Amino acid sequence: MLLIPCPWCGARDEKEFENGGPARVPRPDPTAMTDEAWVDYLLIRPSHPGALRERWWHVHGCGQWFELWRDTVTHDFLDAPDER
């Protein structure tokens, strides 16, 4: 079980959250790219080993969106806020 550190509620079970994917992915101009490139942007996300900044939505809790750095190998949160 993964405990996700919500900045507002503290560490909670992963079942309360939805992963919003990598954070701060630049949005390209869809009119300036091919359909295939646009589909790749919408559906393909980086999945490299190591640190990745991710967006999380505490859907079954406070309802807030937030960003955290997570190590994709160990699943440790690298900038977890202090527990509340």
Protein backbone atom coordinates (compact mmCIF):
# COMPACT_ATOMS: atom_id res chain seq x y z
CA MET A 1 0.00 0.00 0.00
CA LEU A 2 1.24 3.45 -0.94
CA LEU A 3 0.72 6.29 1.54
CA ILE A 4 0.40 9.57 -0.31
CA PRO A 5 1.21 12.70 1.70
CA CYS A 6 -1.62 15.17 1.10
CA PRO A 7 -0.43 18.68 2.06
CA TRP A 8 -3.85 19.38 3.65
CA CYS A 9 -4.86 16.02 5.19
CA GLY A 10 -1.55 14.26 5.88
CA ALA A 11 -0.60 10.77 4.69
CA ARG A 12 -3.56 8.82 3.32
CA ASP A 13 -4.09 5.50 1.53
CA GLU A 14 -3.54 5.56 -2.23
CA LYS A 15 -7.18 4.50 -2.80
CA GLU A 16 -8.23 8.07 -1.93
CA PHE A 17 -6.24 9.60 -4.83
CA GLU A 18 -6.12 9.78 -8.60
CA ASN A 19 -2.78 10.30 -10.32
CA GLY A 20 -2.88 13.22 -12.73
CA GLY A 21 0.34 12.23 -14.49
CA PRO A 22 3.56 14.17 -14.84
CA ALA A 23 3.40 17.80 -13.79
CA ARG A 24 4.28 20.77 -15.95
CA VAL A 25 4.26 19.00 -19.29
CA PRO A 26 4.28 21.88 -21.82
CA ARG A 27 1.13 21.96 -23.93
CA PRO A 28 1.96 22.23 -27.65
CA ASP A 29 -0.22 24.00 -30.19
CA PRO A 30 -2.48 21.25 -31.59
CA THR A 31 -2.87 23.11 -34.89
CA ALA A 32 0.89 23.02 -35.44
CA MET A 33 1.30 19.24 -35.15
CA THR A 34 0.19 16.09 -36.88
CA ASP A 35 -2.73 14.06 -35.55
CA GLU A 36 -0.30 11.31 -34.54
CA ALA A 37 1.89 13.74 -32.57
CA TRP A 38 -1.19 15.21 -30.84
CA VAL A 39 -2.40 11.73 -29.82
CA ASP A 40 1.10 10.96 -28.49
CA TYR A 41 1.02 14.16 -26.42
CA LEU A 42 -2.41 13.30 -25.00
CA LEU A 43 -1.76 9.63 -24.24
CA ILE A 44 1.96 8.95 -23.87
CA ARG A 45 3.61 10.10 -20.64
CA PRO A 46 7.23 9.81 -19.57
CA SER A 47 7.96 6.71 -17.54
CA HIS A 48 11.65 6.87 -16.80
CA PRO A 49 13.23 5.45 -13.64
CA GLY A 50 14.02 8.02 -10.97
CA ALA A 51 12.53 11.29 -9.79
CA LEU A 52 9.35 12.50 -11.49
CA ARG A 53 7.16 15.46 -10.55
CA GLU A 54 3.54 14.25 -10.51
CA ARG A 55 0.09 15.77 -10.03
CA TRP A 56 -2.25 14.12 -7.54
CA TRP A 57 -5.95 14.69 -6.85
CA HIS A 58 -7.28 13.82 -3.39
CA VAL A 59 -10.62 12.86 -4.90
CA HIS A 60 -11.96 10.95 -1.86
CA GLY A 61 -10.67 13.45 0.67
CA CYS A 62 -10.22 17.21 0.58
CA GLY A 63 -10.62 17.40 -3.21
CA GLN A 64 -7.39 19.37 -3.70
CA TRP A 65 -4.88 18.98 -6.55
CA PHE A 66 -1.19 19.12 -5.63
CA GLU A 67 2.23 18.20 -6.98
CA LEU A 68 4.87 15.94 -5.47
CA TRP A 69 8.20 14.51 -6.53
CA ARG A 70 8.10 10.70 -6.48
CA ASP A 71 10.89 8.21 -7.15
CA THR A 72 9.38 5.88 -9.76
CA VAL A 73 11.69 3.04 -8.72
CA THR A 74 11.14 3.05 -4.94
CA HIS A 75 7.80 4.94 -4.90
CA ASP A 76 9.20 7.18 -2.14
CA PHE A 77 7.90 10.75 -2.13
CA LEU A 78 10.92 13.01 -2.22
CA ASP A 79 9.40 16.30 -1.06
CA ALA A 80 6.63 15.05 1.18
CA PRO A 81 5.18 17.73 3.44
CA ASP A 82 5.31 17.26 7.19
CA GLU A 83 2.49 15.09 8.56
CA ARG A 84 -0.39 17.03 10.03
